[in-house]
Protein backbone atom coordinates (compact mmCIF):
# COMPACT_ATOMS: atom_id res chain seq x y z
CA UNK A 1 33.69 -3.46 107.18
CA UNK A 2 33.54 -5.82 104.17
CA UNK A 3 32.21 -4.36 100.81
CA UNK A 4 29.37 -6.36 99.13
CA UNK A 5 29.71 -6.88 95.34
CA UNK A 6 28.09 -8.91 92.44
CA UNK A 7 28.26 -12.71 92.78
CA UNK A 8 30.98 -14.26 90.58
CA UNK A 9 28.14 -16.17 88.68
CA UNK A 10 26.35 -13.00 87.60
CA UNK A 11 29.63 -11.33 86.55
CA UNK A 12 30.45 -14.46 84.38
CA UNK A 13 26.99 -14.50 82.92
CA UNK A 14 27.27 -10.90 81.86
CA UNK A 15 30.72 -11.35 80.39
CA UNK A 16 29.26 -14.25 78.23
CA UNK A 17 26.38 -12.15 77.01
CA UNK A 18 28.65 -9.37 75.96
CA UNK A 19 30.95 -11.74 74.09
CA UNK A 20 27.92 -13.43 72.36
CA UNK A 21 26.70 -10.03 71.10
CA UNK A 22 30.15 -9.06 69.91
CA UNK A 23 30.69 -12.30 68.06
CA UNK A 24 27.13 -12.00 66.41
CA UNK A 25 27.79 -8.49 65.33
CA UNK A 26 31.21 -9.33 64.11
CA UNK A 27 30.03 -12.24 61.83
CA UNK A 28 26.62 -10.93 60.73
CA UNK A 29 27.46 -7.25 60.54
CA UNK A 30 23.76 -6.36 61.10
CA UNK A 31 21.59 -5.20 63.89
CA UNK A 32 19.09 -7.83 65.17
CA UNK A 33 15.32 -7.31 65.24
CA UNK A 34 15.49 -4.71 62.57
CA UNK A 35 13.68 -4.94 59.15
CA UNK A 36 15.84 -4.52 56.12
CA UNK A 37 15.04 -3.44 52.45
CA UNK A 38 15.17 -6.63 50.35
CA UNK A 39 14.60 -7.41 46.57
CA UNK A 40 14.40 -10.56 44.64
CA UNK A 41 15.81 -11.35 41.24
CA UNK A 42 15.47 -14.45 38.93
CA UNK A 43 18.79 -15.41 37.36
CA UNK A 44 19.29 -18.03 34.53
CA UNK A 45 21.83 -19.66 36.86
CA UNK A 46 23.31 -18.91 40.26
CA UNK A 47 25.94 -21.57 40.43
CA UNK A 48 28.79 -19.00 40.90
CA UNK A 49 27.03 -16.86 43.44
CA UNK A 50 27.00 -17.60 47.23
CA UNK A 51 25.30 -16.29 50.33
CA UNK A 52 26.92 -13.19 51.51
CA UNK A 53 28.26 -12.39 48.08
CA UNK A 54 28.44 -8.53 47.72
CA UNK A 55 25.91 -6.44 45.75
CA UNK A 56 27.64 -3.52 44.12
CA UNK A 57 26.66 -0.34 42.08
CA UNK A 58 29.66 1.06 39.99
CA UNK A 59 32.11 -0.99 42.26
CA UNK A 60 30.66 0.32 45.55
CA UNK A 61 29.13 -2.32 47.98
CA UNK A 62 25.51 -1.48 48.61
CA UNK A 63 24.21 -4.95 49.98
CA UNK A 64 24.75 -8.54 50.01
CA UNK A 65 23.04 -11.90 49.00
CA UNK A 66 20.96 -13.30 51.83
CA UNK A 67 19.24 -16.25 50.23
CA UNK A 68 19.40 -18.49 47.06
CA UNK A 69 16.62 -20.94 46.08
CA UNK A 70 15.08 -22.54 42.90
CA UNK A 71 12.18 -20.82 41.18
CA UNK A 72 10.47 -24.02 40.33
CA UNK A 73 11.28 -27.71 40.48
CA UNK A 74 12.91 -28.91 37.31
CA UNK A 75 14.02 -25.49 36.20
CA UNK A 76 17.61 -24.22 36.21
CA UNK A 77 16.58 -20.60 36.89
CA UNK A 78 17.49 -19.42 40.55
CA UNK A 79 15.81 -16.96 42.79
CA UNK A 80 18.41 -14.73 44.54
CA UNK A 81 17.27 -12.54 47.60
CA UNK A 82 19.44 -9.51 48.33
CA UNK A 83 19.50 -7.08 51.17
CA UNK A 84 20.08 -3.46 49.94
CA UNK A 85 21.44 -0.66 52.24
CA UNK A 86 20.08 2.76 52.18
CA UNK A 87 23.03 4.16 50.23
CA UNK A 88 21.99 1.88 47.33
CA UNK A 89 18.44 3.25 47.06
CA UNK A 90 16.39 4.03 44.97
CA UNK A 91 16.29 1.19 42.51
CA UNK A 92 13.88 1.34 39.50
CA UNK A 93 11.70 -1.25 37.86
CA UNK A 94 13.93 -1.27 34.69
CA UNK A 95 17.10 -2.02 36.73
CA UNK A 96 19.33 -4.75 35.28
CA UNK A 97 21.52 -7.22 37.39
CA UNK A 98 24.50 -9.25 36.26
CA UNK A 99 26.58 -11.75 38.00
CA UNK A 100 30.21 -10.90 37.40
CA UNK A 101 33.55 -12.46 38.64
CA UNK A 102 35.64 -10.44 41.09
CA UNK A 103 39.30 -9.76 40.71
CA UNK A 104 41.79 -12.62 41.20
CA UNK A 105 42.73 -11.74 44.76
CA UNK A 106 39.00 -11.30 45.85
CA UNK A 107 37.78 -14.55 44.31
CA UNK A 108 34.15 -15.66 43.87
CA UNK A 109 31.51 -13.45 42.11
CA UNK A 110 29.30 -10.50 42.95
CA UNK A 111 25.99 -8.98 41.71
CA UNK A 112 26.49 -5.90 39.56
CA UNK A 113 23.49 -3.67 39.69
CA UNK A 114 22.38 -0.98 37.14
CA UNK A 115 19.81 1.05 39.13
CA UNK A 116 17.64 1.87 36.06
CA UNK A 117 16.27 5.19 34.67
CA UNK A 118 14.94 7.80 37.07
CA UNK A 119 11.80 8.07 34.95
CA UNK A 120 10.81 4.61 35.74
CA UNK A 121 8.80 3.62 38.95
CA UNK A 122 10.84 2.71 42.02
CA UNK A 123 11.14 -0.83 43.30
CA UNK A 124 9.43 -1.40 46.69
CA UNK A 125 10.53 -3.71 49.37
CA UNK A 126 10.09 -7.30 48.37
CA UNK A 127 9.62 -6.71 44.65
CA UNK A 128 11.03 -9.20 42.22
CA UNK A 129 13.12 -8.37 39.06
CA UNK A 130 12.22 -10.87 36.11
CA UNK A 131 14.81 -12.95 34.29
CA UNK A 132 14.77 -10.85 31.20
CA UNK A 133 16.52 -8.13 33.24
CA UNK A 134 19.24 -10.33 34.54
CA UNK A 135 22.14 -12.25 33.19
CA UNK A 136 24.79 -14.74 34.35
CA UNK A 137 28.42 -15.26 33.11
CA UNK A 138 29.19 -17.97 30.66
CA UNK A 139 31.75 -20.38 32.09
CA UNK A 140 34.33 -22.17 29.94
CA UNK A 141 32.74 -25.51 30.73
CA UNK A 142 29.45 -24.21 29.42
CA UNK A 143 31.22 -23.29 26.14
CA UNK A 144 32.86 -26.64 25.85
CA UNK A 145 29.69 -28.61 26.69
CA UNK A 146 27.78 -26.43 23.94
CA UNK A 147 30.51 -27.18 21.37
CA UNK A 148 29.95 -30.98 21.03
CA UNK A 149 31.21 -32.91 18.07
CA UNK A 150 28.14 -32.24 15.73
CA UNK A 151 28.00 -28.60 16.75
CA UNK A 152 31.78 -28.20 16.02
CA UNK A 153 31.34 -29.84 12.63
CA UNK A 154 28.46 -27.47 11.74
CA UNK A 155 30.61 -24.51 12.89
CA UNK A 156 33.54 -25.79 10.79
CA UNK A 157 31.13 -26.09 7.79
CA UNK A 158 29.86 -22.48 8.47
CA UNK A 159 33.33 -21.11 8.63
CA UNK A 160 34.42 -22.93 5.44
CA UNK A 161 31.36 -21.62 3.58
CA UNK A 162 31.86 -18.10 4.92
CA UNK A 163 35.51 -18.27 3.69
CA UNK A 164 34.33 -19.55 0.33
CA UNK A 165 31.79 -16.68 0.09
CA UNK A 166 34.30 -14.06 0.94
CA UNK A 167 36.97 -15.37 -1.41
CA UNK A 168 37.33 -13.69 -4.78
CA UNK A 169 34.95 -10.84 -5.35
CA UNK A 170 32.80 -11.95 -2.28
CA UNK A 171 34.63 -9.54 0.14
CA UNK A 172 34.47 -6.62 -2.26
CA UNK A 173 30.72 -7.35 -2.75
CA UNK A 174 30.22 -7.41 0.95
CA UNK A 175 31.94 -4.01 1.20
CA UNK A 176 29.67 -2.75 -1.61
CA UNK A 177 26.62 -3.78 0.43
CA UNK A 178 27.54 -1.76 3.44
CA UNK A 179 25.98 1.50 2.20
CA UNK A 180 22.62 -0.35 2.07
CA UNK A 181 22.86 -1.40 5.75
CA UNK A 182 21.58 1.98 7.09
CA UNK A 183 18.15 1.91 5.19
CA UNK A 184 17.75 -1.82 5.84
CA UNK A 185 18.33 -1.35 9.54
CA UNK A 186 16.05 1.71 9.53
CA UNK A 187 13.29 -0.21 7.72
CA UNK A 188 13.79 -3.15 10.01
CA UNK A 189 13.30 -1.01 13.00
CA UNK A 190 10.17 0.49 11.56
CA UNK A 191 8.80 -3.20 10.96
CA UNK A 192 9.78 -4.07 14.57
CA UNK A 193 8.05 -1.02 15.88
CA UNK A 194 4.99 -1.86 13.91
CA UNK A 195 5.03 -5.37 15.20
CA UNK A 196 4.27 -4.05 18.66
CA UNK A 197 0.80 -3.03 17.39
CA UNK A 198 -1.20 0.12 17.49
CA UNK A 199 -3.78 -0.83 20.09
CA UNK A 200 -3.63 -2.43 23.49
CA UNK A 201 -2.97 -6.13 23.62
CA UNK A 202 -2.05 -6.29 19.88
CA UNK A 203 1.49 -7.78 20.82
CA UNK A 204 0.06 -10.31 23.26
CA UNK A 205 -2.53 -11.43 20.62
CA UNK A 206 0.37 -11.71 18.06
CA UNK A 207 2.38 -13.86 20.45
CA UNK A 208 -0.68 -15.97 21.19
CA UNK A 209 -1.33 -16.53 17.42
CA UNK A 210 2.43 -17.11 16.91
CA UNK A 211 2.28 -19.88 19.67
CA UNK A 212 -0.70 -21.55 17.83
CA UNK A 213 1.39 -21.44 14.67
CA UNK A 214 4.36 -22.89 16.25
CA UNK A 215 2.18 -25.66 17.82
CA UNK A 216 0.67 -26.38 14.38
CA UNK A 217 4.23 -26.65 12.91
CA UNK A 218 5.24 -28.91 15.80
CA UNK A 219 2.35 -31.25 14.95
CA UNK A 220 3.83 -31.80 11.44
CA UNK A 221 7.42 -32.55 12.23
CA UNK A 222 7.96 -34.75 9.26
CA UNK A 223 6.82 -32.03 6.86
CA UNK A 224 9.08 -29.56 8.71
CA UNK A 225 12.04 -31.85 8.20
CA UNK A 226 11.09 -32.12 4.52
CA UNK A 227 10.89 -28.28 4.33
CA UNK A 228 14.48 -28.04 5.66
CA UNK A 229 15.68 -30.63 3.12
CA UNK A 230 13.89 -29.01 0.28
CA UNK A 231 15.42 -25.74 1.37
CA UNK A 232 18.76 -27.20 1.15
CA UNK A 233 17.96 -28.54 -2.41
CA UNK A 234 16.68 -25.03 -3.41
CA UNK A 235 19.93 -23.39 -2.07
CA UNK A 236 21.91 -25.98 -4.15
CA UNK A 237 19.90 -24.92 -7.20
CA UNK A 238 20.69 -21.27 -6.47
CA UNK A 239 24.33 -22.19 -6.29
CA UNK A 240 24.30 -23.87 -9.69
CA UNK A 241 22.65 -20.74 -11.11
CA UNK A 242 24.91 -18.35 -9.38
CA UNK A 243 25.53 -16.24 -12.59
CA UNK A 244 21.92 -15.67 -13.23
CA UNK A 245 21.34 -15.02 -9.49
CA UNK A 246 24.08 -12.41 -9.56
CA UNK A 247 22.46 -10.72 -12.49
CA UNK A 248 19.07 -10.74 -10.63
CA UNK A 249 20.64 -9.25 -7.53
CA UNK A 250 22.23 -6.55 -9.73
CA UNK A 251 18.73 -5.54 -10.89
CA UNK A 252 17.48 -5.23 -7.33
CA UNK A 253 18.77 -1.53 -6.79
CA UNK A 254 16.62 -0.39 -9.80
CA UNK A 255 13.74 -2.37 -8.61
CA UNK A 256 13.99 -0.91 -5.24
CA UNK A 257 14.24 2.45 -6.69
CA UNK A 258 10.97 1.91 -8.58
CA UNK A 259 9.30 0.07 -5.68
CA UNK A 260 9.97 2.45 -2.87
CA UNK A 261 7.71 5.10 -4.13
CA UNK A 262 4.93 2.55 -4.50
CA UNK A 263 5.67 1.22 -1.10
CA UNK A 264 5.55 4.67 0.33
CA UNK A 265 2.16 5.43 -1.38
CA UNK A 266 0.97 2.12 0.00
CA UNK A 267 2.19 3.02 3.39
CA UNK A 268 0.28 6.37 3.21
CA UNK A 269 -2.95 4.51 2.30
CA UNK A 270 -2.64 2.24 5.42
CA UNK A 271 -4.34 4.75 7.89
CA UNK A 272 -7.39 5.00 5.60
CA UNK A 273 -7.43 1.27 5.26
CA UNK A 274 -7.23 0.74 9.05
CA UNK A 275 -10.11 3.16 9.38
CA UNK A 276 -12.02 1.14 6.83
CA UNK A 277 -11.24 -2.13 8.66
CA UNK A 278 -12.44 -0.64 11.96
CA UNK A 279 -15.60 0.63 10.39
CA UNK A 280 -16.19 -2.71 8.56
CA UNK A 281 -15.49 -4.81 11.63
CA UNK A 282 -19.09 -4.62 13.07
CA UNK A 283 -20.43 -5.57 9.70
CA UNK A 284 -18.04 -8.46 9.36
CA UNK A 285 -19.04 -9.65 12.77
CA UNK A 286 -22.75 -9.56 11.95
CA UNK A 287 -22.17 -11.16 8.53
CA UNK A 288 -22.17 -14.65 10.25
CA UNK A 289 -25.72 -14.52 11.43
CA UNK A 290 -26.76 -12.83 8.17
CA UNK A 291 -25.21 -15.79 6.19
CA UNK A 292 -26.80 -18.28 8.43
CA UNK A 293 -30.23 -16.58 7.77
CA UNK A 294 -29.62 -16.38 4.18
CA UNK A 295 -28.63 -20.04 3.62
CA UNK A 296 -32.18 -21.41 3.71
CA UNK A 297 -33.17 -18.90 1.04
CA UNK A 298 -30.09 -19.99 -1.00
CA UNK A 299 -31.20 -23.63 -0.64
CA UNK A 300 -34.73 -22.77 -1.90
CA UNK A 301 -33.40 -20.61 -4.78
CA UNK A 302 -31.09 -23.45 -5.83
CA UNK A 303 -34.12 -25.26 -7.11
CA UNK A 304 -35.15 -22.31 -9.29
CA UNK A 305 -31.69 -22.25 -10.98
CA UNK A 306 -31.52 -26.02 -11.54
CA UNK A 307 -31.06 -27.40 -14.99
CA UNK A 308 -34.68 -28.42 -15.68
CA UNK A 309 -36.02 -25.03 -14.39
CA UNK A 310 -33.34 -23.01 -16.31
CA UNK A 311 -34.09 -24.92 -19.60
CA UNK A 312 -37.85 -24.07 -19.46
CA UNK A 313 -37.11 -20.51 -18.42
CA UNK A 314 -34.56 -20.00 -21.19
CA UNK A 315 -37.09 -21.44 -23.74
CA UNK A 316 -39.81 -19.01 -22.59
CA UNK A 317 -37.24 -16.07 -22.54
CA UNK A 318 -35.76 -16.72 -25.97
CA UNK A 319 -38.61 -15.12 -28.06
CA UNK A 320 -38.99 -12.33 -25.48
CA UNK A 321 -35.46 -11.05 -24.89
CA UNK A 322 -34.60 -9.73 -28.49
CA UNK A 323 -37.77 -7.50 -28.70
CA UNK A 324 -37.07 -6.21 -25.13
CA UNK A 325 -33.49 -5.41 -26.13
CA UNK A 326 -34.79 -3.46 -29.22
CA UNK A 327 -37.31 -1.62 -27.01
CA UNK A 328 -34.66 -0.71 -24.47
CA UNK A 329 -32.45 0.72 -27.38
CA UNK A 330 -35.30 2.63 -28.86
CA UNK A 331 -36.50 4.02 -25.47
CA UNK A 332 -33.24 5.84 -24.71
CA UNK A 333 -34.27 8.86 -26.88
CA UNK A 334 -37.70 8.91 -25.48
CA UNK A 335 -36.40 8.85 -21.99
CA UNK A 336 -33.95 11.62 -22.74
CA UNK A 337 -36.88 13.84 -23.92
CA UNK A 338 -38.87 12.75 -20.86
CA UNK A 339 -36.02 13.65 -18.57
CA UNK A 340 -35.85 17.17 -20.20
CA UNK A 341 -39.59 17.60 -19.86
CA UNK A 342 -39.45 16.46 -16.23
CA UNK A 343 -36.63 18.75 -15.47
CA UNK A 344 -38.44 21.69 -17.12
CA UNK A 345 -41.58 20.91 -15.08
CA UNK A 346 -39.60 20.67 -11.76
CA UNK A 347 -37.25 23.59 -12.31
CA UNK A 348 -39.51 26.10 -14.31
CA UNK A 349 -43.18 25.41 -14.51
CA UNK A 350 -43.78 24.32 -10.88
CA UNK A 351 -41.81 27.22 -9.38
CA UNK A 352 -43.80 29.66 -11.66
CA UNK A 353 -47.05 28.09 -10.73
CA UNK A 354 -46.57 28.67 -7.09
CA UNK A 355 -46.12 32.52 -7.49
CA UNK A 356 -48.84 34.98 -7.06
CA UNK A 357 -49.72 37.56 -9.71
CA UNK A 358 -49.52 41.09 -8.32
CA UNK A 359 -52.35 43.36 -9.68
CA UNK A 360 -53.80 46.23 -7.78
CA UNK A 361 -56.91 46.36 -9.91
CA UNK A 362 -57.74 42.64 -9.88
CA UNK A 363 -55.80 41.30 -6.98
CA UNK A 364 -55.14 37.58 -6.87
CA UNK A 365 -56.25 35.57 -3.87
CA UNK A 366 -53.76 32.63 -4.37
CA UNK A 367 -50.89 31.35 -6.50
CA UNK A 368 -51.26 30.76 -10.27
CA UNK A 369 -52.19 27.04 -10.01
CA UNK A 370 -55.22 28.08 -7.94
CA UNK A 371 -56.28 31.09 -9.83
CA UNK A 372 -55.88 29.38 -13.16
CA UNK A 373 -58.71 26.87 -12.37
CA UNK A 374 -61.35 29.35 -11.21
CA UNK A 375 -62.92 30.11 -14.54
CA UNK A 376 -63.41 26.33 -15.27
CA UNK A 377 -66.58 25.82 -13.08
CA UNK A 378 -68.29 28.65 -14.90
CA UNK A 379 -67.17 27.48 -18.31
CA UNK A 380 -68.45 24.01 -17.49
CA UNK A 381 -71.81 25.38 -16.44
CA UNK A 382 -72.11 27.21 -19.69
CA UNK A 383 -71.16 24.16 -21.82
CA UNK A 384 -73.24 21.40 -20.05
CA UNK A 385 -76.10 21.59 -22.75
CA UNK A 386 -75.79 20.54 -26.26
CA UNK A 387 -77.46 18.85 -29.17
CA UNK A 388 -76.51 16.95 -32.37
CA UNK A 389 -74.63 19.98 -33.53
CA UNK A 390 -72.42 20.00 -30.49
CA UNK A 391 -72.17 22.01 -27.31
CA UNK A 392 -73.90 25.44 -27.13
CA UNK A 393 -73.70 28.34 -24.75
CA UNK A 394 -76.17 30.79 -23.22
CA UNK A 395 -74.50 34.12 -23.27
CA UNK A 396 -76.12 37.18 -21.77
CA UNK A 397 -75.40 40.08 -24.02
CA UNK A 398 -75.66 43.74 -23.36
CA UNK A 399 -75.43 46.69 -25.70
CA UNK A 400 -71.80 47.90 -25.94
CA UNK A 401 -70.96 51.36 -24.80
CA UNK A 402 -67.25 51.50 -25.52
CA UNK A 403 -65.21 50.69 -28.72
CA UNK A 404 -61.47 50.15 -28.91
CA UNK A 405 -59.48 49.65 -32.04
CA UNK A 406 -58.59 45.97 -32.44
CA UNK A 407 -56.29 45.61 -35.42
CA UNK A 408 -56.95 47.59 -38.49
CA UNK A 409 -60.62 46.85 -39.36
CA UNK A 410 -61.95 45.60 -36.04
CA UNK A 411 -62.98 47.10 -32.74
CA UNK A 412 -63.18 45.51 -29.35
CA UNK A 413 -66.60 46.39 -27.82
CA UNK A 414 -67.16 46.40 -24.06
CA UNK A 415 -69.88 47.69 -21.60
CA UNK A 416 -67.24 49.23 -19.33
CA UNK A 417 -64.17 51.36 -20.05
CA UNK A 418 -60.76 49.60 -20.10
CA UNK A 419 -58.53 50.70 -17.07
CA UNK A 420 -55.27 49.42 -18.43
CA UNK A 421 -53.36 46.51 -20.09
CA UNK A 422 -51.59 43.91 -17.89
CA UNK A 423 -49.36 42.33 -18.86
CA UNK A 424 -48.15 45.16 -21.10
CA UNK A 425 -47.67 44.45 -24.78
CA UNK A 426 -43.97 43.72 -25.56
CA UNK A 427 -42.10 46.26 -27.48
CA UNK A 428 -42.51 45.87 -31.22
CA UNK A 429 -45.19 43.20 -30.53
CA UNK A 430 -42.26 40.65 -30.54
CA UNK A 431 -42.29 37.37 -28.51
CA UNK A 432 -39.31 36.40 -26.38
CA UNK A 433 -36.85 34.34 -28.41
CA UNK A 434 -37.33 30.66 -28.27
CA UNK A 435 -33.81 28.89 -27.86
CA UNK A 436 -34.27 25.23 -28.85
CA UNK A 437 -30.62 24.54 -28.11
CA UNK A 438 -30.87 25.70 -24.49
CA UNK A 439 -32.34 23.30 -21.86
CA UNK A 440 -35.53 24.50 -20.31
CA UNK A 441 -34.44 23.83 -16.78
CA UNK A 442 -31.47 26.26 -17.17
CA UNK A 443 -33.62 29.15 -18.34
CA UNK A 444 -34.87 31.99 -16.02
CA UNK A 445 -38.24 31.48 -14.36
CA UNK A 446 -40.93 33.95 -15.71
CA UNK A 447 -41.30 37.04 -13.56
CA UNK A 448 -45.03 37.71 -13.04
CA UNK A 449 -44.48 41.16 -11.52
CA UNK A 450 -45.45 43.68 -14.27
CA UNK A 451 -46.28 47.43 -14.55
CA UNK A 452 -49.66 47.78 -16.26
CA UNK A 453 -49.56 49.93 -19.36
CA UNK A 454 -52.28 52.53 -19.90
CA UNK A 455 -55.53 51.59 -21.65
CA UNK A 456 -55.70 52.31 -25.41
CA UNK A 457 -57.55 55.09 -26.60
CA UNK A 458 -61.33 54.17 -27.13
CA UNK A 459 -64.56 55.64 -28.28
CA UNK A 460 -67.79 55.94 -26.37
CA UNK A 461 -70.69 54.57 -28.49
CA UNK A 462 -73.70 56.94 -28.56
CA UNK A 463 -77.18 55.65 -27.85
CA UNK A 464 -78.74 53.98 -30.99
CA UNK A 465 -82.34 54.10 -32.05
CA UNK A 466 -84.19 50.69 -32.07
CA UNK A 467 -83.93 50.52 -35.82
CA UNK A 468 -80.15 51.25 -35.83
CA UNK A 469 -79.64 48.68 -33.07
CA UNK A 470 -81.54 46.05 -34.98
CA UNK A 471 -79.43 46.76 -38.04
CA UNK A 472 -76.23 46.51 -36.09
CA UNK A 473 -77.31 43.25 -34.60
CA UNK A 474 -78.07 41.78 -38.04
CA UNK A 475 -74.65 42.95 -39.33
CA UNK A 476 -73.09 41.19 -36.48
CA UNK A 477 -75.00 37.92 -37.06
CA UNK A 478 -74.11 38.10 -40.68
CA UNK A 479 -70.44 38.51 -39.91
CA UNK A 480 -70.51 35.60 -37.44
CA UNK A 481 -72.08 33.33 -40.06
CA UNK A 482 -69.50 34.39 -42.55
CA UNK A 483 -66.67 33.61 -40.11
CA UNK A 484 -68.20 30.22 -39.16
CA UNK A 485 -68.53 29.22 -42.75
CA UNK A 486 -64.77 29.60 -43.42
């Protein structure tokens, strides 16, 4: 019996399919229908790189170039797309790429990758590395095209002047300047760090303002040319005065030694100045509307200070100003006394008047300034009558019942016995010392809390007959007339 097999056409078609797959895999070296990790990088120039050029990390192939295109029309920068294998991952956002030549036997160029620092974020599939993180090799033709005849002449002049500057004592002076490089570089780095700003967007605002400045300079090209020419003239003048310039440069170290502490103090004051600037910024922003509102007033006031108005005003003030000046000078001592009196009133008298006298026998019902005015209504009621001889009083008298010695020859007569003496009589009957050289406001406030002293020894007056009482009353009237006649 005959075995049935595949037709020759099917066998040939299968062989062709296997060969096609083998050839594709042999040339492309990649599996079809599979997504690969790719990144893009912008290079200044990609004239030396080709598709399928290797991508390496430390000499190990981790991928290849898959596409090369222009970033924008009219620009030389090139956009290079690379496929990265898993063994080359991860790459970080601060990765740097360089186009380097391969060894002689390999030929062509490759992309050398520095993966970046582990602390930086990782690059994702399809991310783009900017041009400031890439570089391309400089070829000999580029060097020769850059060194045209004018450039070569300028380079020759530069080398001649450098040779002239280093001849003689120039090289030794250059060597003596080396110790000053470290502080110069350090201070330059501080300045460069400060140029980054202290707040967000400081650097971007600086670049924006620098662009405006460069644009303004570009609008005045002739003046810029004149500046360069004048600078050449200034340099020539310095060259003529090289001896004096050398002496001035010799003084710079002492100047720097004196200036560095001052600059350090100034640098320490900058935080406070920055705080003042931040605090004053709202006021400065609001000063524009304030000035706009004040301008009409200034225009109106301008008429008051015009020449005709000022002449009349100065004529009216001329006889008045000298006496006012003398009054001010003579008022200074008066105001000094008034100030002392005011201070005494505020610091001593008023606090004392707000206190309350403590007395068990005659308790006070309010502070001193209230109690002191209570006798006045009764006194006013007694003195509201008068005649041509003056005010007179109606006084209701009663016969005294007690007598207390009052001095050497006098007695104090009262209808009720004395219960005590408050405030007590000072020792030796002496008043507190009066210090005229001590300000009143620095003295101690009077203390109204006292301990009453016992009443003085008195005598009880016996009952008098009508004749004796009439005689005593006449003696009293005669004594009053004698006293009033003095």
